[in-house]
Amino acid sequence: MFTSILSYLNPMLIGLPPIFNPQIRLLILGSFPSPASLAARQYYGHKQNHFWKLLGAIFDEPLYERPYAERVALALEHRIGIWDVYQSCTRQGALDADIRAGAANDFATLLQQTPNLRRVCFNGQTAGKFAPRLAALGLETRILPSSSPAYTLPFAQKLERWKAGINP
């Protein structure tokens, strides 16, 4: 009975589908969408998250101001896919530290569908725990500072590290 009460209080959350096409060369993996992202059905949908501002600065494109569909199209145009390490989990709030019962996404199947994929960049340390798993699949891996507003590294320093991680 206690377990059923806990599952009611912390229901299993299901993540978002991957954004990719066969031409992507780089995949950015976060941990799991925030409640705001899940509600909007958009990656990095929380207005304070720096993800789209970081990519926009790297591409020299005003991504943050554009509609979501255009952001996604520009990422794919730059051969960048977006996904998360967890397909499902329980979590109260938005913090990665609160992720429980996480089930990993199926990276092997994704690799079969993305023959040009060479590098995976992890958006933060929680996602970065999966680096050895993807390196074992033959991919180059890099762990980037989290784009979350909870990670208080100044934007300019985040951008410098993201540029180094994403650019060849």
N, C-alpha and C. Protein backbone atom coordinates (compact mmCIF):
# COMPACT_ATOMS: atom_id res chain seq x y z
N MET A 1 0.82 -1.19 0.00
CA MET A 1 0.00 0.00 0.00
C MET A 1 0.86 1.26 0.00
N PHE A 2 1.95 1.24 0.81
CA PHE A 2 2.83 2.39 0.86
C PHE A 2 3.44 2.67 -0.52
N THR A 3 3.82 1.62 -1.25
CA THR A 3 4.37 1.78 -2.58
C THR A 3 3.36 2.40 -3.53
N SER A 4 2.11 1.99 -3.45
CA SER A 4 1.10 2.55 -4.34
C SER A 4 0.84 4.03 -4.03
N ILE A 5 0.95 4.41 -2.78
CA ILE A 5 0.80 5.83 -2.43
C ILE A 5 1.96 6.62 -3.01
N LEU A 6 3.17 6.09 -2.91
CA LEU A 6 4.34 6.77 -3.47
C LEU A 6 4.23 6.91 -4.98
N SER A 7 3.76 5.86 -5.66
CA SER A 7 3.64 5.94 -7.11
C SER A 7 2.56 6.94 -7.51
N TYR A 8 1.55 7.12 -6.68
CA TYR A 8 0.53 8.13 -6.96
C TYR A 8 1.12 9.53 -6.79
N LEU A 9 1.91 9.70 -5.76
CA LEU A 9 2.51 11.01 -5.50
C LEU A 9 3.60 11.34 -6.52
N ASN A 10 4.31 10.32 -7.00
CA ASN A 10 5.39 10.49 -7.96
C ASN A 10 5.14 9.60 -9.18
N PRO A 11 4.22 10.00 -10.06
CA PRO A 11 3.93 9.14 -11.21
C PRO A 11 5.12 9.05 -12.16
N MET A 12 5.15 7.97 -12.92
CA MET A 12 6.20 7.79 -13.92
C MET A 12 6.00 8.83 -15.02
N LEU A 13 7.04 9.58 -15.30
CA LEU A 13 7.01 10.60 -16.34
C LEU A 13 7.63 10.02 -17.61
N ILE A 14 7.09 10.36 -18.75
CA ILE A 14 7.60 9.90 -20.03
C ILE A 14 8.22 11.09 -20.75
N GLY A 15 9.44 10.91 -21.27
CA GLY A 15 10.15 12.00 -21.93
C GLY A 15 9.63 12.31 -23.32
N LEU A 16 10.39 13.11 -24.03
CA LEU A 16 10.04 13.55 -25.38
C LEU A 16 10.73 12.68 -26.42
N PRO A 17 10.16 12.59 -27.62
CA PRO A 17 10.82 11.81 -28.68
C PRO A 17 12.10 12.52 -29.13
N PRO A 18 13.04 11.76 -29.69
CA PRO A 18 14.29 12.39 -30.14
C PRO A 18 14.06 13.28 -31.35
N ILE A 19 14.95 14.24 -31.48
CA ILE A 19 14.99 15.09 -32.67
C ILE A 19 16.26 14.69 -33.42
N PHE A 20 16.08 14.09 -34.58
CA PHE A 20 17.23 13.68 -35.36
C PHE A 20 16.82 13.38 -36.79
N ASN A 21 17.79 13.25 -37.65
CA ASN A 21 17.61 12.71 -38.99
C ASN A 21 18.89 11.93 -39.31
N PRO A 22 18.94 11.19 -40.40
CA PRO A 22 20.13 10.38 -40.68
C PRO A 22 21.41 11.18 -40.88
N GLN A 23 21.29 12.49 -41.13
CA GLN A 23 22.48 13.31 -41.40
C GLN A 23 23.16 13.87 -40.16
N ILE A 24 22.55 13.74 -38.97
CA ILE A 24 23.18 14.38 -37.80
C ILE A 24 24.57 13.79 -37.57
N ARG A 25 25.45 14.67 -37.13
CA ARG A 25 26.82 14.26 -36.79
C ARG A 25 27.08 14.39 -35.30
N LEU A 26 26.21 15.17 -34.63
CA LEU A 26 26.38 15.44 -33.22
C LEU A 26 25.02 15.30 -32.55
N LEU A 27 25.01 14.73 -31.36
CA LEU A 27 23.79 14.58 -30.58
C LEU A 27 24.02 15.23 -29.23
N ILE A 28 23.11 16.10 -28.83
CA ILE A 28 23.17 16.70 -27.50
C ILE A 28 22.15 15.97 -26.63
N LEU A 29 22.65 15.39 -25.56
CA LEU A 29 21.80 14.64 -24.63
C LEU A 29 21.68 15.38 -23.31
N GLY A 30 20.45 15.69 -22.93
CA GLY A 30 20.18 16.19 -21.60
C GLY A 30 19.84 15.02 -20.70
N SER A 31 19.38 15.31 -19.51
CA SER A 31 19.01 14.23 -18.59
C SER A 31 17.55 13.84 -18.82
N PHE A 32 16.63 14.75 -18.53
CA PHE A 32 15.20 14.51 -18.69
C PHE A 32 14.51 15.87 -18.75
N PRO A 33 13.45 16.02 -19.54
CA PRO A 33 12.80 17.33 -19.66
C PRO A 33 12.25 17.85 -18.34
N SER A 34 12.32 19.15 -18.17
CA SER A 34 11.74 19.80 -17.00
C SER A 34 10.21 19.74 -17.10
N PRO A 35 9.53 20.00 -16.00
CA PRO A 35 8.06 20.06 -16.07
C PRO A 35 7.57 21.06 -17.12
N ALA A 36 8.25 22.20 -17.26
CA ALA A 36 7.84 23.20 -18.26
C ALA A 36 8.03 22.64 -19.67
N SER A 37 9.11 21.92 -19.90
CA SER A 37 9.36 21.33 -21.22
C SER A 37 8.34 20.24 -21.53
N LEU A 38 8.04 19.41 -20.54
CA LEU A 38 7.04 18.36 -20.75
C LEU A 38 5.67 18.97 -21.06
N ALA A 39 5.31 20.02 -20.34
CA ALA A 39 4.01 20.67 -20.57
C ALA A 39 3.94 21.29 -21.96
N ALA A 40 5.05 21.89 -22.40
CA ALA A 40 5.09 22.53 -23.72
C ALA A 40 5.36 21.53 -24.84
N ARG A 41 5.79 20.31 -24.47
CA ARG A 41 6.22 19.29 -25.44
C ARG A 41 7.36 19.82 -26.31
N GLN A 42 8.30 20.52 -25.65
CA GLN A 42 9.44 21.12 -26.33
C GLN A 42 10.69 20.91 -25.50
N TYR A 43 11.78 20.55 -26.16
CA TYR A 43 13.05 20.48 -25.45
C TYR A 43 13.45 21.88 -24.99
N TYR A 44 13.89 21.95 -23.76
CA TYR A 44 14.39 23.19 -23.15
C TYR A 44 13.33 24.29 -23.25
N GLY A 45 12.11 23.93 -22.85
CA GLY A 45 10.97 24.82 -22.93
C GLY A 45 10.87 25.84 -21.81
N HIS A 46 11.68 25.68 -20.75
CA HIS A 46 11.66 26.67 -19.67
C HIS A 46 12.35 27.93 -20.17
N LYS A 47 11.71 29.04 -20.03
CA LYS A 47 12.22 30.30 -20.60
C LYS A 47 13.58 30.71 -20.05
N GLN A 48 13.93 30.26 -18.85
CA GLN A 48 15.22 30.66 -18.27
C GLN A 48 16.36 29.71 -18.64
N ASN A 49 16.04 28.59 -19.27
CA ASN A 49 17.10 27.67 -19.67
C ASN A 49 17.90 28.31 -20.80
N HIS A 50 19.22 28.15 -20.74
CA HIS A 50 20.11 28.80 -21.71
C HIS A 50 20.34 27.99 -22.98
N PHE A 51 19.77 26.80 -23.11
CA PHE A 51 20.08 25.92 -24.23
C PHE A 51 19.95 26.61 -25.59
N TRP A 52 18.79 27.17 -25.89
CA TRP A 52 18.58 27.77 -27.21
C TRP A 52 19.40 29.04 -27.39
N LYS A 53 19.67 29.75 -26.31
CA LYS A 53 20.54 30.93 -26.40
C LYS A 53 21.97 30.51 -26.70
N LEU A 54 22.41 29.41 -26.08
CA LEU A 54 23.77 28.90 -26.34
C LEU A 54 23.91 28.45 -27.79
N LEU A 55 22.99 27.64 -28.26
CA LEU A 55 23.06 27.19 -29.66
C LEU A 55 22.97 28.37 -30.61
N GLY A 56 22.09 29.32 -30.30
CA GLY A 56 21.96 30.50 -31.15
C GLY A 56 23.26 31.29 -31.24
N ALA A 57 23.95 31.43 -30.11
CA ALA A 57 25.23 32.15 -30.12
C ALA A 57 26.28 31.37 -30.91
N ILE A 58 26.27 30.06 -30.80
CA ILE A 58 27.23 29.23 -31.55
C ILE A 58 26.95 29.31 -33.05
N PHE A 59 25.67 29.28 -33.45
CA PHE A 59 25.29 29.35 -34.86
C PHE A 59 25.25 30.77 -35.40
N ASP A 60 25.35 31.75 -34.51
CA ASP A 60 25.17 33.16 -34.86
C ASP A 60 23.78 33.38 -35.48
N GLU A 61 22.78 32.78 -34.83
CA GLU A 61 21.38 32.86 -35.24
C GLU A 61 20.55 33.21 -34.00
N PRO A 62 19.54 34.05 -34.13
CA PRO A 62 18.70 34.38 -32.97
C PRO A 62 17.68 33.26 -32.67
N LEU A 63 18.16 32.09 -32.29
CA LEU A 63 17.28 30.94 -32.08
C LEU A 63 16.23 31.18 -31.01
N TYR A 64 16.62 31.78 -29.93
CA TYR A 64 15.71 31.94 -28.79
C TYR A 64 14.44 32.69 -29.18
N GLU A 65 14.56 33.65 -30.09
CA GLU A 65 13.41 34.46 -30.49
C GLU A 65 12.52 33.76 -31.52
N ARG A 66 12.98 32.67 -32.09
CA ARG A 66 12.23 32.00 -33.15
C ARG A 66 11.24 30.98 -32.59
N PRO A 67 10.23 30.65 -33.38
CA PRO A 67 9.31 29.58 -32.95
C PRO A 67 10.07 28.26 -32.81
N TYR A 68 9.54 27.40 -31.96
CA TYR A 68 10.20 26.13 -31.66
C TYR A 68 10.51 25.31 -32.92
N ALA A 69 9.57 25.22 -33.84
CA ALA A 69 9.79 24.43 -35.06
C ALA A 69 10.99 24.95 -35.84
N GLU A 70 11.20 26.24 -35.86
CA GLU A 70 12.35 26.82 -36.56
C GLU A 70 13.65 26.51 -35.81
N ARG A 71 13.60 26.53 -34.49
CA ARG A 71 14.79 26.18 -33.69
C ARG A 71 15.22 24.76 -34.03
N VAL A 72 14.25 23.85 -34.02
CA VAL A 72 14.54 22.45 -34.31
C VAL A 72 15.10 22.30 -35.72
N ALA A 73 14.48 22.97 -36.69
CA ALA A 73 14.94 22.88 -38.09
C ALA A 73 16.38 23.38 -38.22
N LEU A 74 16.71 24.47 -37.53
CA LEU A 74 18.08 25.00 -37.61
C LEU A 74 19.09 24.06 -36.94
N ALA A 75 18.71 23.45 -35.84
CA ALA A 75 19.61 22.47 -35.21
C ALA A 75 19.89 21.34 -36.18
N LEU A 76 18.84 20.82 -36.81
CA LEU A 76 19.02 19.73 -37.77
C LEU A 76 19.82 20.19 -38.99
N GLU A 77 19.60 21.42 -39.42
CA GLU A 77 20.37 21.98 -40.54
C GLU A 77 21.87 21.98 -40.21
N HIS A 78 22.18 22.21 -38.94
CA HIS A 78 23.57 22.19 -38.49
C HIS A 78 24.03 20.78 -38.11
N ARG A 79 23.19 19.80 -38.43
CA ARG A 79 23.47 18.37 -38.20
C ARG A 79 23.61 18.03 -36.72
N ILE A 80 22.73 18.65 -35.92
CA ILE A 80 22.71 18.41 -34.48
C ILE A 80 21.35 17.82 -34.10
N GLY A 81 21.39 16.70 -33.40
CA GLY A 81 20.18 16.10 -32.86
C GLY A 81 20.06 16.41 -31.37
N ILE A 82 18.87 16.21 -30.83
CA ILE A 82 18.59 16.53 -29.42
C ILE A 82 17.77 15.38 -28.82
N TRP A 83 18.18 14.98 -27.64
CA TRP A 83 17.44 13.93 -26.94
C TRP A 83 17.84 13.99 -25.47
N ASP A 84 17.40 12.99 -24.70
CA ASP A 84 17.74 12.88 -23.29
C ASP A 84 18.25 11.47 -23.00
N VAL A 85 18.97 11.32 -21.91
CA VAL A 85 19.46 10.00 -21.55
C VAL A 85 18.36 9.12 -20.99
N TYR A 86 17.37 9.73 -20.33
CA TYR A 86 16.28 8.95 -19.75
C TYR A 86 15.02 9.05 -20.60
N GLN A 87 14.40 7.89 -20.85
CA GLN A 87 13.11 7.88 -21.54
C GLN A 87 11.97 8.07 -20.56
N SER A 88 12.19 7.67 -19.30
CA SER A 88 11.17 7.82 -18.27
C SER A 88 11.83 7.86 -16.90
N CYS A 89 11.11 8.41 -15.94
CA CYS A 89 11.60 8.47 -14.57
C CYS A 89 10.49 9.00 -13.67
N THR A 90 10.75 9.01 -12.39
CA THR A 90 9.90 9.76 -11.47
C THR A 90 10.74 10.92 -10.96
N ARG A 91 10.09 12.03 -10.70
CA ARG A 91 10.81 13.20 -10.20
C ARG A 91 9.80 14.21 -9.70
N GLN A 92 10.08 14.78 -8.55
CA GLN A 92 9.31 15.92 -8.06
C GLN A 92 10.13 17.15 -8.40
N GLY A 93 9.53 18.09 -9.08
CA GLY A 93 10.24 19.29 -9.45
C GLY A 93 11.04 19.11 -10.72
N ALA A 94 12.09 19.94 -10.87
CA ALA A 94 12.85 19.95 -12.11
C ALA A 94 14.32 19.57 -11.94
N LEU A 95 14.77 19.36 -10.72
CA LEU A 95 16.19 19.12 -10.49
C LEU A 95 16.60 17.71 -10.89
N ASP A 96 17.74 17.61 -11.55
CA ASP A 96 18.29 16.30 -11.92
C ASP A 96 18.54 15.43 -10.70
N ALA A 97 18.90 16.05 -9.60
CA ALA A 97 19.20 15.30 -8.38
C ALA A 97 17.98 14.54 -7.86
N ASP A 98 16.79 14.94 -8.29
CA ASP A 98 15.56 14.30 -7.83
C ASP A 98 15.05 13.20 -8.77
N ILE A 99 15.80 12.90 -9.84
CA ILE A 99 15.39 11.84 -10.76
C ILE A 99 15.52 10.50 -10.05
N ARG A 100 14.45 9.70 -10.12
CA ARG A 100 14.42 8.36 -9.53
C ARG A 100 13.87 7.38 -10.57
N ALA A 101 14.24 6.14 -10.44
CA ALA A 101 13.73 5.06 -11.30
C ALA A 101 13.87 5.40 -12.78
N GLY A 102 15.02 5.98 -13.16
CA GLY A 102 15.25 6.36 -14.55
C GLY A 102 15.48 5.15 -15.44
N ALA A 103 14.78 5.12 -16.56
CA ALA A 103 14.99 4.09 -17.59
C ALA A 103 15.67 4.77 -18.78
N ALA A 104 16.79 4.23 -19.21
CA ALA A 104 17.57 4.84 -20.29
C ALA A 104 16.88 4.70 -21.64
N ASN A 105 17.15 5.67 -22.51
CA ASN A 105 16.68 5.60 -23.88
C ASN A 105 17.47 4.54 -24.65
N ASP A 106 16.96 4.14 -25.80
CA ASP A 106 17.55 3.09 -26.63
C ASP A 106 18.54 3.71 -27.61
N PHE A 107 19.78 3.83 -27.18
CA PHE A 107 20.80 4.48 -28.00
C PHE A 107 21.26 3.60 -29.15
N ALA A 108 21.26 2.30 -28.98
CA ALA A 108 21.69 1.39 -30.04
C ALA A 108 20.79 1.52 -31.26
N THR A 109 19.49 1.60 -31.04
CA THR A 109 18.55 1.77 -32.16
C THR A 109 18.75 3.13 -32.82
N LEU A 110 18.96 4.17 -32.02
CA LEU A 110 19.22 5.50 -32.58
C LEU A 110 20.46 5.46 -33.47
N LEU A 111 21.50 4.78 -33.02
CA LEU A 111 22.73 4.70 -33.82
C LEU A 111 22.49 4.03 -35.16
N GLN A 112 21.64 3.06 -35.21
CA GLN A 112 21.32 2.40 -36.48
C GLN A 112 20.65 3.37 -37.45
N GLN A 113 19.96 4.35 -36.93
CA GLN A 113 19.23 5.31 -37.76
C GLN A 113 20.01 6.58 -38.05
N THR A 114 21.20 6.71 -37.46
CA THR A 114 22.02 7.92 -37.64
C THR A 114 23.46 7.52 -38.00
N PRO A 115 23.67 7.06 -39.23
CA PRO A 115 24.98 6.53 -39.61
C PRO A 115 26.12 7.55 -39.59
N ASN A 116 25.79 8.85 -39.60
CA ASN A 116 26.82 9.89 -39.59
C ASN A 116 27.15 10.41 -38.20
N LEU A 117 26.45 9.91 -37.18
CA LEU A 117 26.67 10.39 -35.81
C LEU A 117 28.08 10.03 -35.36
N ARG A 118 28.82 11.03 -34.89
CA ARG A 118 30.20 10.83 -34.46
C ARG A 118 30.46 11.26 -33.01
N ARG A 119 29.71 12.27 -32.56
CA ARG A 119 29.98 12.85 -31.24
C ARG A 119 28.68 13.04 -30.47
N VAL A 120 28.79 12.81 -29.17
CA VAL A 120 27.68 13.08 -28.26
C VAL A 120 28.16 14.07 -27.22
N CYS A 121 27.43 15.16 -27.08
CA CYS A 121 27.70 16.14 -26.04
C CYS A 121 26.61 16.04 -24.99
N PHE A 122 27.02 15.93 -23.76
CA PHE A 122 26.07 15.79 -22.65
C PHE A 122 25.85 17.14 -22.00
N ASN A 123 24.60 17.50 -21.86
CA ASN A 123 24.21 18.77 -21.26
C ASN A 123 24.17 18.59 -19.74
N GLY A 124 25.32 18.69 -19.11
CA GLY A 124 25.42 18.59 -17.66
C GLY A 124 25.96 17.26 -17.18
N GLN A 125 26.27 17.24 -15.89
CA GLN A 125 26.91 16.08 -15.27
C GLN A 125 25.99 14.87 -15.14
N THR A 126 24.71 15.10 -14.88
CA THR A 126 23.80 13.95 -14.75
C THR A 126 23.73 13.19 -16.06
N ALA A 127 23.52 13.90 -17.15
CA ALA A 127 23.52 13.24 -18.46
C ALA A 127 24.90 12.66 -18.75
N GLY A 128 25.95 13.37 -18.32
CA GLY A 128 27.32 12.94 -18.57
C GLY A 128 27.68 11.60 -17.95
N LYS A 129 26.89 11.13 -16.99
CA LYS A 129 27.14 9.80 -16.41
C LYS A 129 26.98 8.70 -17.46
N PHE A 130 26.32 9.03 -18.57
CA PHE A 130 26.12 8.07 -19.65
C PHE A 130 27.26 8.10 -20.67
N ALA A 131 28.25 8.96 -20.49
CA ALA A 131 29.35 9.07 -21.45
C ALA A 131 30.06 7.74 -21.68
N PRO A 132 30.41 6.97 -20.65
CA PRO A 132 31.07 5.70 -20.91
C PRO A 132 30.22 4.74 -21.76
N ARG A 133 28.92 4.75 -21.53
CA ARG A 133 28.02 3.87 -22.29
C ARG A 133 28.04 4.21 -23.78
N LEU A 134 28.04 5.50 -24.10
CA LEU A 134 28.04 5.88 -25.51
C LEU A 134 29.43 5.81 -26.13
N ALA A 135 30.46 6.03 -25.32
CA ALA A 135 31.82 5.84 -25.81
C ALA A 135 32.05 4.38 -26.18
N ALA A 136 31.45 3.47 -25.42
CA ALA A 136 31.57 2.04 -25.71
C ALA A 136 30.91 1.68 -27.04
N LEU A 137 29.99 2.53 -27.51
CA LEU A 137 29.35 2.31 -28.81
C LEU A 137 30.15 2.92 -29.95
N GLY A 138 31.34 3.47 -29.62
CA GLY A 138 32.23 4.03 -30.64
C GLY A 138 32.07 5.50 -30.91
N LEU A 139 31.40 6.22 -30.01
CA LEU A 139 31.19 7.65 -30.21
C LEU A 139 32.15 8.48 -29.36
N GLU A 140 32.55 9.60 -29.90
CA GLU A 140 33.32 10.58 -29.13
C GLU A 140 32.35 11.26 -28.17
N THR A 141 32.75 11.47 -26.94
CA THR A 141 31.85 12.08 -25.96
C THR A 141 32.50 13.29 -25.30
N ARG A 142 31.67 14.25 -24.99
CA ARG A 142 32.10 15.46 -24.27
C ARG A 142 30.99 15.87 -23.30
N ILE A 143 31.40 16.26 -22.11
CA ILE A 143 30.43 16.72 -21.12
C ILE A 143 30.50 18.24 -21.04
N LEU A 144 29.37 18.87 -21.29
CA LEU A 144 29.27 20.33 -21.29
C LEU A 144 28.64 20.81 -19.99
N PRO A 145 28.87 22.07 -19.63
CA PRO A 145 28.18 22.60 -18.46
C PRO A 145 26.67 22.64 -18.72
N SER A 146 25.90 22.39 -17.71
CA SER A 146 24.45 22.38 -17.85
C SER A 146 23.92 23.73 -18.31
N SER A 147 22.95 23.68 -19.21
CA SER A 147 22.30 24.91 -19.68
C SER A 147 21.21 25.37 -18.70
N SER A 148 20.98 24.60 -17.66
CA SER A 148 19.95 24.91 -16.68
C SER A 148 20.26 26.20 -15.93
N PRO A 149 19.23 26.98 -15.61
CA PRO A 149 19.47 28.17 -14.79
C PRO A 149 19.91 27.81 -13.37
N ALA A 150 19.68 26.55 -12.94
CA ALA A 150 20.13 26.12 -11.62
C ALA A 150 21.65 25.99 -11.56
N TYR A 151 22.29 25.82 -12.71
CA TYR A 151 23.76 25.76 -12.78
C TYR A 151 24.24 27.18 -12.99
N THR A 152 24.87 27.75 -12.00
CA THR A 152 25.09 29.20 -11.95
C THR A 152 26.36 29.70 -12.63
N LEU A 153 27.01 28.89 -13.41
CA LEU A 153 28.16 29.36 -14.18
C LEU A 153 27.69 30.50 -15.09
N PRO A 154 28.41 31.62 -15.14
CA PRO A 154 27.97 32.72 -16.00
C PRO A 154 27.81 32.29 -17.47
N PHE A 155 26.86 32.91 -18.15
CA PHE A 155 26.56 32.54 -19.53
C PHE A 155 27.79 32.57 -20.42
N ALA A 156 28.61 33.58 -20.31
CA ALA A 156 29.80 33.69 -21.17
C ALA A 156 30.73 32.49 -21.00
N GLN A 157 30.88 32.01 -19.78
CA GLN A 157 31.72 30.84 -19.54
C GLN A 157 31.07 29.56 -20.07
N LYS A 158 29.75 29.46 -19.90
CA LYS A 158 29.03 28.32 -20.49
C LYS A 158 29.23 28.31 -22.00
N LEU A 159 29.04 29.47 -22.61
CA LEU A 159 29.16 29.58 -24.06
C LEU A 159 30.56 29.16 -24.55
N GLU A 160 31.59 29.62 -23.86
CA GLU A 160 32.96 29.27 -24.23
C GLU A 160 33.14 27.74 -24.22
N ARG A 161 32.64 27.10 -23.19
CA ARG A 161 32.78 25.64 -23.07
C ARG A 161 31.90 24.90 -24.07
N TRP A 162 30.71 25.43 -24.34
CA TRP A 162 29.83 24.81 -25.33
C TRP A 162 30.45 24.92 -26.73
N LYS A 163 31.01 26.08 -27.06
CA LYS A 163 31.67 26.22 -28.37
C LYS A 163 32.78 25.21 -28.53
N ALA A 164 33.60 25.06 -27.50
CA ALA A 164 34.71 24.10 -27.56
C ALA A 164 34.20 22.67 -27.69
N GLY A 165 33.08 22.36 -27.06
CA GLY A 165 32.55 21.00 -27.10
C GLY A 165 31.84 20.64 -28.38
N ILE A 166 31.15 21.62 -28.95
CA ILE A 166 30.35 21.36 -30.15
C ILE A 166 31.16 21.49 -31.42
N ASN A 167 32.02 22.46 -31.48
CA ASN A 167 32.81 22.66 -32.70
C ASN A 167 33.92 21.62 -32.78
N PRO A 168 34.21 21.18 -34.01
CA PRO A 168 35.26 20.14 -34.16
C PRO A 168 36.64 20.63 -33.75
